[in-house]
Amino acid sequence: MRVAMYYSNKDIRLEEMPVPEVKAGEALVKIMASGICGSDVMEWYRAGKVPLVLGHEIAGEIVETGNGVTQFKKGDRVSASHHVPCNTCHYCLSGHHTVCDTLRKTKFYPGGFCEYVLLPSINVDRGIYLLPDEVSYEEGSFTEPLACVLRGQRLARVKAADSVLVVGSGLSGLLHIQMAQALGAGRIIATDVHEFRLDAAKRLGADYAISAREFTPDLLREINDGRLADIVIICTGAPSAINQGLQSVERGGTILFFAATDKGVTIPISFNDVLFRNEVTIMSSYAGDRGDHITAVELIRSKRVRVKDMITHRLGLAETGLGFQLVVEGTNSIKVLIEPQR
């Protein structure tokens, strides 16, 4: 089978690998759509691990199942989790499935940017989600990123009438905007440095889309009834954006960190200005659990979150390198999909 082998963001080669052999409890999925995630282009994170096949936002068709697999069959249309938890450890039993050691070790093989992916038995057991007929493969590939967003807003306790500031309007930020809108947020403000993304933020539900170069806490107060934001969701690792978010949270509010920084970055916080006496909650969120994925599929099916409107590029497997460059540049793309069967 053909695979897009990653060596660096600028060196992705079309190579051949054997189609994985299916053993007991496993399943083989023919990949129909696989999204390029912002984490895929974190080159520093891949150092020492290359070459490898990336891609974890997948949707496809089950073409073969191993002995003992009874809950799924050939022909099923599915999305699937790359990482799955053990469901029995301290973290899982306390509701933190996404920091489980097993979750951090599990993965499917070889990765979503290829023609066929093998799902190990543990993934088959707890990481496959059937796609309704109304959900296309393209839409199904958004299951994983939307599940991550859903978990983040659930942990941050976003609720009706909250004012929500989304810092960074890339793919994750735009999903957060739509999710906040679906939850009934009272006012949604988005920032970014790219006009293309600001236009998308406005189109997908932001009440205000403001250039990060012009945004200030005082401006936020002007458009938000004299207050800062109840919920601040930081969807970029840029230190300037993080500092902007830290200055924009209202008393009693919550800051959700939803993006990694570059390696080695530290962010100083003015304890008195941000935290002391203000009862501000600072938190992070990583990945999504099974329930988040199942809910994400339903949100996509019901069009409560309009993921298809976010697709800007559909590329074949041989064009994966181009897709990575589009995501790295981030100026004229939102969601870039690789469709290996093109």
C-alpha atoms as a PDB file:
ATOM      1  CA  MET A   1       0.000   0.000   0.000  1.00  0.00           C
ATOM      2  CA  ARG A   2       1.021   3.635  -0.430  1.00  0.00           C
ATOM      3  CA  VAL A   3       1.958   5.717   2.599  1.00  0.00           C
ATOM      4  CA  ALA A   4       3.053   9.327   3.091  1.00  0.00           C
ATOM      5  CA  MET A   5       6.270   8.858   5.079  1.00  0.00           C
ATOM      6  CA  TYR A   6       7.162  11.833   7.249  1.00  0.00           C
ATOM      7  CA  TYR A   7      10.824  12.854   7.595  1.00  0.00           C
ATOM      8  CA  SER A   8      10.221  16.559   8.280  1.00  0.00           C
ATOM      9  CA  ASN A   9       7.594  19.181   7.485  1.00  0.00           C
ATOM     10  CA  LYS A  10       9.349  19.779   4.185  1.00  0.00           C
ATOM     11  CA  ASP A  11      10.235  16.157   3.437  1.00  0.00           C
ATOM     12  CA  ILE A  12       7.257  13.836   3.093  1.00  0.00           C
ATOM     13  CA  ARG A  13       7.725  10.969   0.653  1.00  0.00           C
ATOM     14  CA  LEU A  14       5.264   8.648  -1.046  1.00  0.00           C
ATOM     15  CA  GLU A  15       6.506   5.149  -0.196  1.00  0.00           C
ATOM     16  CA  GLU A  16       5.266   1.562  -0.217  1.00  0.00           C
ATOM     17  CA  MET A  17       4.553  -0.648   2.803  1.00  0.00           C
ATOM     18  CA  PRO A  18       2.838  -4.037   3.093  1.00  0.00           C
ATOM     19  CA  VAL A  19      -0.836  -3.941   3.999  1.00  0.00           C
ATOM     20  CA  PRO A  20      -0.914  -4.885   7.705  1.00  0.00           C
ATOM     21  CA  GLU A  21      -1.914  -8.460   8.524  1.00  0.00           C
ATOM     22  CA  VAL A  22      -5.077  -8.697  10.618  1.00  0.00           C
ATOM     23  CA  LYS A  23      -4.894 -10.885  13.716  1.00  0.00           C
ATOM     24  CA  ALA A  24      -7.461 -11.919  16.296  1.00  0.00           C
ATOM     25  CA  GLY A  25      -9.394  -9.008  17.754  1.00  0.00           C
ATOM     26  CA  GLU A  26      -8.079  -6.508  15.206  1.00  0.00           C
ATOM     27  CA  ALA A  27      -9.636  -4.620  12.303  1.00  0.00           C
ATOM     28  CA  LEU A  28      -8.334  -3.168   9.049  1.00  0.00           C
ATOM     29  CA  VAL A  29      -9.752   0.182   7.919  1.00  0.00           C
ATOM     30  CA  LYS A  30      -9.540   1.575   4.405  1.00  0.00           C
ATOM     31  CA  ILE A  31      -8.821   5.268   4.910  1.00  0.00           C
ATOM     32  CA  MET A  32     -11.177   7.576   3.038  1.00  0.00           C
ATOM     33  CA  ALA A  33     -10.300  10.864   4.770  1.00  0.00           C
ATOM     34  CA  SER A  34      -7.578  11.892   7.191  1.00  0.00           C
ATOM     35  CA  GLY A  35      -7.170  15.419   8.525  1.00  0.00           C
ATOM     36  CA  ILE A  36      -3.853  17.161   9.076  1.00  0.00           C
ATOM     37  CA  CYS A  37      -3.766  18.337  12.700  1.00  0.00           C
ATOM     38  CA  GLY A  38      -1.733  21.221  14.040  1.00  0.00           C
ATOM     39  CA  SER A  39       0.109  18.715  16.232  1.00  0.00           C
ATOM     40  CA  ASP A  40       1.227  16.847  13.094  1.00  0.00           C
ATOM     41  CA  VAL A  41       3.381  19.815  12.090  1.00  0.00           C
ATOM     42  CA  MET A  42       5.108  20.210  15.496  1.00  0.00           C
ATOM     43  CA  GLU A  43       8.467  19.308  14.006  1.00  0.00           C
ATOM     44  CA  TRP A  44      10.363  19.499  17.311  1.00  0.00           C
ATOM     45  CA  TYR A  45       8.071  16.841  18.773  1.00  0.00           C
ATOM     46  CA  ARG A  46       8.990  14.380  15.987  1.00  0.00           C
ATOM     47  CA  ALA A  47      12.746  14.721  16.490  1.00  0.00           C
ATOM     48  CA  GLY A  48      14.297  11.299  16.973  1.00  0.00           C
ATOM     49  CA  LYS A  49      11.109   9.490  15.900  1.00  0.00           C
ATOM     50  CA  VAL A  50      11.268   9.836  12.125  1.00  0.00           C
ATOM     51  CA  PRO A  51      10.631   8.383   9.636  1.00  0.00           C
ATOM     52  CA  LEU A  52       7.025   7.604  10.483  1.00  0.00           C
ATOM     53  CA  VAL A  53       3.502   7.802   9.107  1.00  0.00           C
ATOM     54  CA  LEU A  54       1.438  10.461  10.844  1.00  0.00           C
ATOM     55  CA  GLY A  55      -2.295  11.108  10.848  1.00  0.00           C
ATOM     56  CA  HIS A  56      -4.828  10.432  13.609  1.00  0.00           C
ATOM     57  CA  GLU A  57      -8.017  12.203  12.440  1.00  0.00           C
ATOM     58  CA  ILE A  58      -9.381   9.364  10.344  1.00  0.00           C
ATOM     59  CA  ALA A  59     -12.563   8.058   8.790  1.00  0.00           C
ATOM     60  CA  GLY A  60     -12.939   5.032   6.576  1.00  0.00           C
ATOM     61  CA  GLU A  61     -14.463   1.645   5.896  1.00  0.00           C
ATOM     62  CA  ILE A  62     -13.733  -1.591   7.719  1.00  0.00           C
ATOM     63  CA  VAL A  63     -12.501  -4.058   5.110  1.00  0.00           C
ATOM     64  CA  GLU A  64     -11.450  -6.954   7.348  1.00  0.00           C
ATOM     65  CA  THR A  65     -11.885  -8.075  10.955  1.00  0.00           C
ATOM     66  CA  GLY A  66      -9.948 -10.670  12.922  1.00  0.00           C
ATOM     67  CA  ASN A  67     -11.317 -13.650  14.800  1.00  0.00           C
ATOM     68  CA  GLY A  68     -13.413 -12.687  17.786  1.00  0.00           C
ATOM     69  CA  VAL A  69     -14.554  -9.307  16.487  1.00  0.00           C
ATOM     70  CA  THR A  70     -18.336  -9.338  16.688  1.00  0.00           C
ATOM     71  CA  GLN A  71     -19.333  -5.715  17.267  1.00  0.00           C
ATOM     72  CA  PHE A  72     -18.090  -4.510  13.856  1.00  0.00           C
ATOM     73  CA  LYS A  73     -18.128  -6.011  10.389  1.00  0.00           C
ATOM     74  CA  LYS A  74     -16.764  -5.529   6.900  1.00  0.00           C
ATOM     75  CA  GLY A  75     -18.403  -2.541   5.248  1.00  0.00           C
ATOM     76  CA  ASP A  76     -19.000  -0.541   8.435  1.00  0.00           C
ATOM     77  CA  ARG A  77     -18.295   3.166   8.034  1.00  0.00           C
ATOM     78  CA  VAL A  78     -16.284   4.373  11.027  1.00  0.00           C
ATOM     79  CA  SER A  79     -14.032   6.902  12.660  1.00  0.00           C
ATOM     80  CA  ALA A  80     -11.534   5.706  15.250  1.00  0.00           C
ATOM     81  CA  SER A  81      -9.385   6.864  18.156  1.00  0.00           C
ATOM     82  CA  HIS A  82      -5.634   6.728  17.761  1.00  0.00           C
ATOM     83  CA  HIS A  83      -5.134   6.513  21.543  1.00  0.00           C
ATOM     84  CA  VAL A  84      -7.394   4.628  23.968  1.00  0.00           C
ATOM     85  CA  PRO A  85      -7.314   4.299  27.785  1.00  0.00           C
ATOM     86  CA  CYS A  86      -7.192   1.236  30.030  1.00  0.00           C
ATOM     87  CA  ASN A  87     -10.415   2.219  31.900  1.00  0.00           C
ATOM     88  CA  THR A  88      -9.103   0.698  35.162  1.00  0.00           C
ATOM     89  CA  CYS A  89      -6.233   2.868  36.437  1.00  0.00           C
ATOM     90  CA  HIS A  90      -6.348   5.698  38.989  1.00  0.00           C
ATOM     91  CA  TYR A  91      -6.672   8.327  36.271  1.00  0.00           C
ATOM     92  CA  CYS A  92      -9.453   6.575  34.362  1.00  0.00           C
ATOM     93  CA  LEU A  93     -11.440   5.838  37.526  1.00  0.00           C
ATOM     94  CA  SER A  94     -11.204   9.518  38.513  1.00  0.00           C
ATOM     95  CA  GLY A  95     -12.504  10.668  35.132  1.00  0.00           C
ATOM     96  CA  HIS A  96      -9.148  11.621  33.609  1.00  0.00           C
ATOM     97  CA  HIS A  97      -9.039   8.983  30.867  1.00  0.00           C
ATOM     98  CA  THR A  98      -6.931  11.170  28.602  1.00  0.00           C
ATOM     99  CA  VAL A  99      -3.934  11.197  30.956  1.00  0.00           C
ATOM    100  CA  CYS A 100      -3.949   7.414  31.335  1.00  0.00           C
ATOM    101  CA  ASP A 101      -0.556   5.762  30.737  1.00  0.00           C
ATOM    102  CA  THR A 102      -2.162   3.213  28.416  1.00  0.00           C
ATOM    103  CA  LEU A 103      -3.718   5.971  26.324  1.00  0.00           C
ATOM    104  CA  ARG A 104      -0.298   7.535  25.863  1.00  0.00           C
ATOM    105  CA  LYS A 105       1.168   4.241  24.623  1.00  0.00           C
ATOM    106  CA  THR A 106      -1.597   2.935  22.356  1.00  0.00           C
ATOM    107  CA  LYS A 107      -1.916   3.820  18.664  1.00  0.00           C
ATOM    108  CA  PHE A 108      -3.089   2.393  15.380  1.00  0.00           C
ATOM    109  CA  TYR A 109      -0.673   1.337  12.646  1.00  0.00           C
ATOM    110  CA  PRO A 110       0.969   2.872  10.721  1.00  0.00           C
ATOM    111  CA  GLY A 111      -0.924   6.220  10.726  1.00  0.00           C
ATOM    112  CA  GLY A 112      -3.750   7.949   8.929  1.00  0.00           C
ATOM    113  CA  PHE A 113      -1.793   9.199   5.919  1.00  0.00           C
ATOM    114  CA  CYS A 114      -1.854   5.879   4.117  1.00  0.00           C
ATOM    115  CA  GLU A 115      -4.340   3.602   2.348  1.00  0.00           C
ATOM    116  CA  TYR A 116      -5.058   1.134   5.178  1.00  0.00           C
ATOM    117  CA  VAL A 117      -4.781   1.365   8.957  1.00  0.00           C
ATOM    118  CA  LEU A 118      -4.679  -1.547  11.385  1.00  0.00           C
ATOM    119  CA  LEU A 119      -6.618  -1.070  14.619  1.00  0.00           C
ATOM    120  CA  PRO A 120      -5.216  -3.172  17.494  1.00  0.00           C
ATOM    121  CA  SER A 121      -7.651  -5.164  19.606  1.00  0.00           C
ATOM    122  CA  ILE A 122      -7.718  -2.571  22.401  1.00  0.00           C
ATOM    123  CA  ASN A 123      -8.700   0.120  19.870  1.00  0.00           C
ATOM    124  CA  VAL A 124     -11.387  -2.140  18.414  1.00  0.00           C
ATOM    125  CA  ASP A 125     -12.730  -2.733  21.904  1.00  0.00           C
ATOM    126  CA  ARG A 126     -13.027   0.930  22.928  1.00  0.00           C
ATOM    127  CA  GLY A 127     -12.039   3.260  20.104  1.00  0.00           C
ATOM    128  CA  ILE A 128     -14.277   2.749  17.042  1.00  0.00           C
ATOM    129  CA  TYR A 129     -17.329   4.902  16.310  1.00  0.00           C
ATOM    130  CA  LEU A 130     -19.928   4.036  13.684  1.00  0.00           C
ATOM    131  CA  LEU A 131     -20.745   6.874  11.306  1.00  0.00           C
ATOM    132  CA  PRO A 132     -24.440   7.494  10.595  1.00  0.00           C
ATOM    133  CA  ASP A 133     -25.499   7.494   6.954  1.00  0.00           C
ATOM    134  CA  GLU A 134     -25.905  11.296   7.107  1.00  0.00           C
ATOM    135  CA  VAL A 135     -22.222  11.767   8.015  1.00  0.00           C
ATOM    136  CA  SER A 136     -19.746  11.667   5.134  1.00  0.00           C
ATOM    137  CA  TYR A 137     -16.235  10.332   5.508  1.00  0.00           C
ATOM    138  CA  GLU A 138     -14.941  13.904   5.261  1.00  0.00           C
ATOM    139  CA  GLU A 139     -17.177  14.976   8.117  1.00  0.00           C
ATOM    140  CA  GLY A 140     -16.354  11.825  10.070  1.00  0.00           C
ATOM    141  CA  SER A 141     -12.674  12.735  10.078  1.00  0.00           C
ATOM    142  CA  PHE A 142     -13.576  15.656  12.379  1.00  0.00           C
ATOM    143  CA  THR A 143     -14.738  13.279  15.127  1.00  0.00           C
ATOM    144  CA  GLU A 144     -11.408  13.280  16.978  1.00  0.00           C
ATOM    145  CA  PRO A 145     -10.677  17.041  16.915  1.00  0.00           C
ATOM    146  CA  LEU A 146     -14.268  17.861  17.856  1.00  0.00           C
ATOM    147  CA  ALA A 147     -14.123  15.354  20.734  1.00  0.00           C
ATOM    148  CA  CYS A 148     -11.046  17.181  22.045  1.00  0.00           C
ATOM    149  CA  VAL A 149     -12.874  20.512  21.884  1.00  0.00           C
ATOM    150  CA  LEU A 150     -15.963  19.054  23.530  1.00  0.00           C
ATOM    151  CA  ARG A 151     -13.903  17.721  26.429  1.00  0.00           C
ATOM    152  CA  GLY A 152     -12.146  21.047  26.891  1.00  0.00           C
ATOM    153  CA  GLN A 153     -15.376  23.006  27.113  1.00  0.00           C
ATOM    154  CA  ARG A 154     -16.948  20.390  29.358  1.00  0.00           C
ATOM    155  CA  LEU A 155     -14.032  20.624  31.805  1.00  0.00           C
ATOM    156  CA  ALA A 156     -14.080  24.417  31.607  1.00  0.00           C
ATOM    157  CA  ARG A 157     -17.831  24.313  32.293  1.00  0.00           C
ATOM    158  CA  VAL A 158     -18.845  26.563  29.430  1.00  0.00           C
ATOM    159  CA  LYS A 159     -22.525  27.353  29.888  1.00  0.00           C
ATOM    160  CA  ALA A 160     -25.325  29.419  28.454  1.00  0.00           C
ATOM    161  CA  ALA A 161     -24.832  33.193  28.660  1.00  0.00           C
ATOM    162  CA  ASP A 162     -21.066  32.951  29.271  1.00  0.00           C
ATOM    163  CA  SER A 163     -18.898  35.375  27.345  1.00  0.00           C
ATOM    164  CA  VAL A 164     -16.210  33.322  25.567  1.00  0.00           C
ATOM    165  CA  LEU A 165     -12.956  34.641  24.149  1.00  0.00           C
ATOM    166  CA  VAL A 166     -11.206  32.325  21.685  1.00  0.00           C
ATOM    167  CA  VAL A 167      -7.573  33.322  21.192  1.00  0.00           C
ATOM    168  CA  GLY A 168      -6.394  31.901  17.863  1.00  0.00           C
ATOM    169  CA  SER A 169      -8.884  31.042  15.124  1.00  0.00           C
ATOM    170  CA  GLY A 170      -7.251  28.087  13.450  1.00  0.00           C
ATOM    171  CA  LEU A 171      -9.076  24.772  13.181  1.00  0.00           C
ATOM    172  CA  SER A 172      -9.313  24.217  16.941  1.00  0.00           C
ATOM    173  CA  GLY A 173     -10.341  27.796  17.609  1.00  0.00           C
ATOM    174  CA  LEU A 174     -13.082  27.623  14.983  1.00  0.00           C
ATOM    175  CA  LEU A 175     -14.386  24.385  16.459  1.00  0.00           C
ATOM    176  CA  HIS A 176     -14.404  26.041  19.884  1.00  0.00           C
ATOM    177  CA  ILE A 177     -16.416  28.933  18.453  1.00  0.00           C
ATOM    178  CA  GLN A 178     -19.029  26.566  17.044  1.00  0.00           C
ATOM    179  CA  MET A 179     -19.101  24.476  20.214  1.00  0.00           C
ATOM    180  CA  ALA A 180     -19.581  27.548  22.401  1.00  0.00           C
ATOM    181  CA  GLN A 181     -22.390  28.656  20.130  1.00  0.00           C
ATOM    182  CA  ALA A 182     -24.020  25.221  20.380  1.00  0.00           C
ATOM    183  CA  LEU A 183     -23.851  25.494  24.185  1.00  0.00           C
ATOM    184  CA  GLY A 184     -25.612  28.848  24.101  1.00  0.00           C
ATOM    185  CA  ALA A 185     -22.735  31.167  24.963  1.00  0.00           C
ATOM    186  CA  GLY A 186     -23.935  34.728  25.372  1.00  0.00           C
ATOM    187  CA  ARG A 187     -21.158  36.444  23.431  1.00  0.00           C
ATOM    188  CA  ILE A 188     -18.273  34.900  21.461  1.00  0.00           C
ATOM    189  CA  ILE A 189     -15.178  36.944  20.636  1.00  0.00           C
ATOM    190  CA  ALA A 190     -12.394  35.586  18.441  1.00  0.00           C
ATOM    191  CA  THR A 191      -8.896  36.844  17.701  1.00  0.00           C
ATOM    192  CA  ASP A 192      -6.213  35.915  15.188  1.00  0.00           C
ATOM    193  CA  VAL A 193      -3.419  37.522  13.202  1.00  0.00           C
ATOM    194  CA  HIS A 194      -4.735  36.322   9.803  1.00  0.00           C
ATOM    195  CA  GLU A 195      -7.669  38.039   8.108  1.00  0.00           C
ATOM    196  CA  PHE A 196      -8.621  34.762   6.403  1.00  0.00           C
ATOM    197  CA  ARG A 197      -9.172  33.105   9.766  1.00  0.00           C
ATOM    198  CA  LEU A 198     -11.002  36.103  11.204  1.00  0.00           C
ATOM    199  CA  ASP A 199     -13.435  35.961   8.284  1.00  0.00           C
ATOM    200  CA  ALA A 200     -13.973  32.251   9.001  1.00  0.00           C
ATOM    201  CA  ALA A 201     -14.518  32.961  12.710  1.00  0.00           C
ATOM    202  CA  LYS A 202     -17.236  35.485  11.899  1.00  0.00           C
ATOM    203  CA  ARG A 203     -18.863  33.137   9.399  1.00  0.00           C
ATOM    204  CA  LEU A 204     -18.858  30.219  11.861  1.00  0.00           C
ATOM    205  CA  GLY A 205     -20.429  31.981  14.820  1.00  0.00           C
ATOM    206  CA  ALA A 206     -18.198  34.606  16.449  1.00  0.00           C
ATOM    207  CA  ASP A 207     -20.046  37.794  17.385  1.00  0.00           C
ATOM    208  CA  TYR A 208     -16.778  39.703  17.087  1.00  0.00           C
ATOM    209  CA  ALA A 209     -13.630  38.746  15.167  1.00  0.00           C
ATOM    210  CA  ILE A 210     -10.756  41.061  16.024  1.00  0.00           C
ATOM    211  CA  SER A 211      -7.172  41.244  14.850  1.00  0.00           C
ATOM    212  CA  ALA A 212      -4.854  40.124  17.635  1.00  0.00           C
ATOM    213  CA  ARG A 213      -2.678  43.119  16.781  1.00  0.00           C
ATOM    214  CA  GLU A 214      -5.516  45.485  17.715  1.00  0.00           C
ATOM    215  CA  PHE A 215      -7.118  43.532  20.548  1.00  0.00           C
ATOM    216  CA  THR A 216      -6.782  44.856  24.113  1.00  0.00           C
ATOM    217  CA  PRO A 217      -8.556  44.118  27.400  1.00  0.00           C
ATOM    218  CA  ASP A 218     -10.084  47.611  27.213  1.00  0.00           C
ATOM    219  CA  LEU A 219     -11.545  46.838  23.801  1.00  0.00           C
ATOM    220  CA  LEU A 220     -12.943  43.595  25.195  1.00  0.00           C
ATOM    221  CA  ARG A 221     -14.679  45.532  27.964  1.00  0.00           C
ATOM    222  CA  GLU A 222     -16.171  47.921  25.406  1.00  0.00           C
ATOM    223  CA  ILE A 223     -17.910  45.117  23.503  1.00  0.00           C
ATOM    224  CA  ASN A 224     -18.708  42.923  26.518  1.00  0.00           C
ATOM    225  CA  ASP A 225     -20.797  45.143  28.781  1.00  0.00           C
ATOM    226  CA  GLY A 226     -17.801  46.447  30.709  1.00  0.00           C
ATOM    227  CA  ARG A 227     -16.433  43.024  31.624  1.00  0.00           C
ATOM    228  CA  LEU A 228     -13.621  40.758  30.537  1.00  0.00           C
ATOM    229  CA  ALA A 229     -14.409  37.228  29.309  1.00  0.00           C
ATOM    230  CA  ASP A 230     -15.921  34.560  31.551  1.00  0.00           C
ATOM    231  CA  ILE A 231     -14.110  31.858  29.582  1.00  0.00           C
ATOM    232  CA  VAL A 232     -10.813  32.365  27.736  1.00  0.00           C
ATOM    233  CA  ILE A 233      -9.776  29.522  25.420  1.00  0.00           C
ATOM    234  CA  ILE A 234      -6.199  29.808  24.168  1.00  0.00           C
ATOM    235  CA  CYS A 235      -5.806  27.873  20.917  1.00  0.00           C
ATOM    236  CA  THR A 236      -2.289  28.912  19.984  1.00  0.00           C
ATOM    237  CA  GLY A 237       1.076  28.436  21.612  1.00  0.00           C
ATOM    238  CA  ALA A 238       2.380  31.889  20.695  1.00  0.00           C
ATOM    239  CA  PRO A 239       3.603  33.563  23.913  1.00  0.00           C
ATOM    240  CA  SER A 240       2.094  36.915  22.886  1.00  0.00           C
ATOM    241  CA  ALA A 241      -1.320  35.270  22.448  1.00  0.00           C
ATOM    242  CA  ILE A 242      -1.023  33.471  25.779  1.00  0.00           C
ATOM    243  CA  ASN A 243      -0.225  36.734  27.547  1.00  0.00           C
ATOM    244  CA  GLN A 244      -3.159  38.354  25.783  1.00  0.00           C
ATOM    245  CA  GLY A 245      -5.433  35.618  27.063  1.00  0.00           C
ATOM    246  CA  LEU A 246      -4.127  35.881  30.620  1.00  0.00           C
ATOM    247  CA  GLN A 247      -5.010  39.576  30.661  1.00  0.00           C
ATOM    248  CA  SER A 248      -8.527  38.992  29.346  1.00  0.00           C
ATOM    249  CA  VAL A 249     -10.247  36.799  31.941  1.00  0.00           C
ATOM    250  CA  GLU A 250     -12.965  38.165  34.229  1.00  0.00           C
ATOM    251  CA  ARG A 251     -13.018  37.649  37.989  1.00  0.00           C
ATOM    252  CA  GLY A 252     -14.313  34.157  38.727  1.00  0.00           C
ATOM    253  CA  GLY A 253     -13.553  33.150  35.148  1.00  0.00           C
ATOM    254  CA  THR A 254     -11.625  30.276  33.574  1.00  0.00           C
ATOM    255  CA  ILE A 255      -8.639  30.140  31.236  1.00  0.00           C
ATOM    256  CA  LEU A 256      -8.383  26.952  29.170  1.00  0.00           C
ATOM    257  CA  PHE A 257      -5.017  26.198  27.554  1.00  0.00           C
ATOM    258  CA  PHE A 258      -5.699  24.190  24.416  1.00  0.00           C
ATOM    259  CA  ALA A 259      -2.454  24.320  22.434  1.00  0.00           C
ATOM    260  CA  ALA A 260       1.166  23.387  22.942  1.00  0.00           C
ATOM    261  CA  THR A 261       3.948  25.948  22.784  1.00  0.00           C
ATOM    262  CA  ASP A 262       7.288  25.459  21.111  1.00  0.00           C
ATOM    263  CA  LYS A 263       9.745  23.333  23.064  1.00  0.00           C
ATOM    264  CA  GLY A 264      11.119  24.967  26.191  1.00  0.00           C
ATOM    265  CA  VAL A 265       8.753  27.934  26.298  1.00  0.00           C
ATOM    266  CA  THR A 266       7.807  29.215  29.759  1.00  0.00           C
ATOM    267  CA  ILE A 267       5.190  31.878  30.434  1.00  0.00           C
ATOM    268  CA  PRO A 268       5.483  34.143  33.510  1.00  0.00           C
ATOM    269  CA  ILE A 269       2.191  35.031  35.191  1.00  0.00           C
ATOM    270  CA  SER A 270       1.619  38.165  37.226  1.00  0.00           C
ATOM    271  CA  PHE A 271       0.172  36.468  40.291  1.00  0.00           C
ATOM    272  CA  ASN A 272      -1.373  39.609  41.782  1.00  0.00           C
ATOM    273  CA  ASP A 273      -2.888  40.901  38.554  1.00  0.00           C
ATOM    274  CA  VAL A 274      -4.276  37.592  37.254  1.00  0.00           C
ATOM    275  CA  LEU A 275      -4.925  35.349  40.239  1.00  0.00           C
ATOM    276  CA  PHE A 276      -4.853  36.973  43.660  1.00  0.00           C
ATOM    277  CA  ARG A 277      -8.377  37.848  44.861  1.00  0.00           C
ATOM    278  CA  ASN A 278      -9.811  37.081  41.405  1.00  0.00           C
ATOM    279  CA  GLU A 279     -10.709  33.377  41.842  1.00  0.00           C
ATOM    280  CA  VAL A 280      -9.531  32.622  38.318  1.00  0.00           C
ATOM    281  CA  THR A 281      -9.217  28.985  37.265  1.00  0.00           C
ATOM    282  CA  ILE A 282      -6.318  28.097  34.959  1.00  0.00           C
ATOM    283  CA  MET A 283      -6.574  24.675  33.356  1.00  0.00           C
ATOM    284  CA  SER A 284      -5.594  22.535  30.402  1.00  0.00           C
ATOM    285  CA  SER A 285      -7.312  19.826  28.421  1.00  0.00           C
ATOM    286  CA  TYR A 286      -5.881  17.016  26.313  1.00  0.00           C
ATOM    287  CA  ALA A 287      -7.612  14.709  23.825  1.00  0.00           C
ATOM    288  CA  GLY A 288     -11.131  13.328  24.341  1.00  0.00           C
ATOM    289  CA  ASP A 289     -12.599  10.210  25.932  1.00  0.00           C
ATOM    290  CA  ARG A 290     -15.006   7.700  24.375  1.00  0.00           C
ATOM    291  CA  GLY A 291     -18.085   9.623  25.456  1.00  0.00           C
ATOM    292  CA  ASP A 292     -16.702  12.794  23.880  1.00  0.00           C
ATOM    293  CA  HIS A 293     -16.184  10.982  20.566  1.00  0.00           C
ATOM    294  CA  ILE A 294     -19.695   9.546  20.572  1.00  0.00           C
ATOM    295  CA  THR A 295     -21.164  12.968  21.304  1.00  0.00           C
ATOM    296  CA  ALA A 296     -18.965  14.522  18.610  1.00  0.00           C
ATOM    297  CA  VAL A 297     -20.422  12.167  15.998  1.00  0.00           C
ATOM    298  CA  GLU A 298     -23.937  13.238  16.996  1.00  0.00           C
ATOM    299  CA  LEU A 299     -23.027  16.935  16.894  1.00  0.00           C
ATOM    300  CA  ILE A 300     -21.706  16.433  13.369  1.00  0.00           C
ATOM    301  CA  ARG A 301     -24.762  14.408  12.307  1.00  0.00           C
ATOM    302  CA  SER A 302     -27.193  17.015  13.622  1.00  0.00           C
ATOM    303  CA  LYS A 303     -25.188  19.853  12.020  1.00  0.00           C
ATOM    304  CA  ARG A 304     -24.944  21.582  15.400  1.00  0.00           C
ATOM    305  CA  VAL A 305     -21.272  21.888  14.450  1.00  0.00           C
ATOM    306  CA  ARG A 306     -20.853  22.504  10.716  1.00  0.00           C
ATOM    307  CA  VAL A 307     -17.544  20.821  10.067  1.00  0.00           C
ATOM    308  CA  LYS A 308     -17.921  20.577   6.294  1.00  0.00           C
ATOM    309  CA  ASP A 309     -17.815  24.376   6.071  1.00  0.00           C
ATOM    310  CA  MET A 310     -14.289  24.258   7.494  1.00  0.00           C
ATOM    311  CA  ILE A 311     -12.712  22.143   4.744  1.00  0.00           C
ATOM    312  CA  THR A 312     -10.551  24.283   2.482  1.00  0.00           C
ATOM    313  CA  HIS A 313      -8.386  21.652   0.781  1.00  0.00           C
ATOM    314  CA  ARG A 314      -8.887  18.041  -0.312  1.00  0.00           C
ATOM    315  CA  LEU A 315      -5.648  16.430  -1.465  1.00  0.00           C
ATOM    316  CA  GLY A 316      -4.531  13.005  -2.594  1.00  0.00           C
ATOM    317  CA  LEU A 317      -1.912  10.984  -0.739  1.00  0.00           C
ATOM    318  CA  ALA A 318       0.838  12.106  -3.117  1.00  0.00           C
ATOM    319  CA  GLU A 319       0.060  15.720  -2.167  1.00  0.00           C
ATOM    320  CA  THR A 320       0.526  15.237   1.591  1.00  0.00           C
ATOM    321  CA  GLY A 321       3.680  17.374   1.523  1.00  0.00           C
ATOM    322  CA  LEU A 322       1.699  20.252   0.041  1.00  0.00           C
ATOM    323  CA  GLY A 323      -0.927  19.760   2.710  1.00  0.00           C
ATOM    324  CA  PHE A 324       1.665  20.067   5.472  1.00  0.00           C
ATOM    325  CA  GLN A 325       2.983  23.304   3.993  1.00  0.00           C
ATOM    326  CA  LEU A 326      -0.525  24.740   3.856  1.00  0.00           C
ATOM    327  CA  VAL A 327      -1.015  23.928   7.540  1.00  0.00           C
ATOM    328  CA  VAL A 328       2.411  25.280   8.525  1.00  0.00           C
ATOM    329  CA  GLU A 329       1.741  28.583   6.717  1.00  0.00           C
ATOM    330  CA  GLY A 330      -1.815  28.793   8.053  1.00  0.00           C
ATOM    331  CA  THR A 331      -2.710  31.862   6.003  1.00  0.00           C
ATOM    332  CA  ASN A 332      -5.157  30.432   3.466  1.00  0.00           C
ATOM    333  CA  SER A 333      -6.273  27.121   4.912  1.00  0.00           C
ATOM    334  CA  ILE A 334      -8.458  25.885   7.727  1.00  0.00           C
ATOM    335  CA  LYS A 335      -8.837  22.124   7.449  1.00  0.00           C
ATOM    336  CA  VAL A 336      -6.682  20.231   4.980  1.00  0.00           C
ATOM    337  CA  LEU A 337      -7.849  16.683   4.303  1.00  0.00           C
ATOM    338  CA  ILE A 338      -5.815  13.877   2.781  1.00  0.00           C
ATOM    339  CA  GLU A 339      -7.999  11.434   0.836  1.00  0.00           C
ATOM    340  CA  PRO A 340      -5.836   8.411  -0.015  1.00  0.00           C
ATOM    341  CA  GLN A 341      -8.342   6.879  -2.421  1.00  0.00           C
ATOM    342  CA  ARG A 342      -8.350   9.929  -4.742  1.00  0.00           C
END
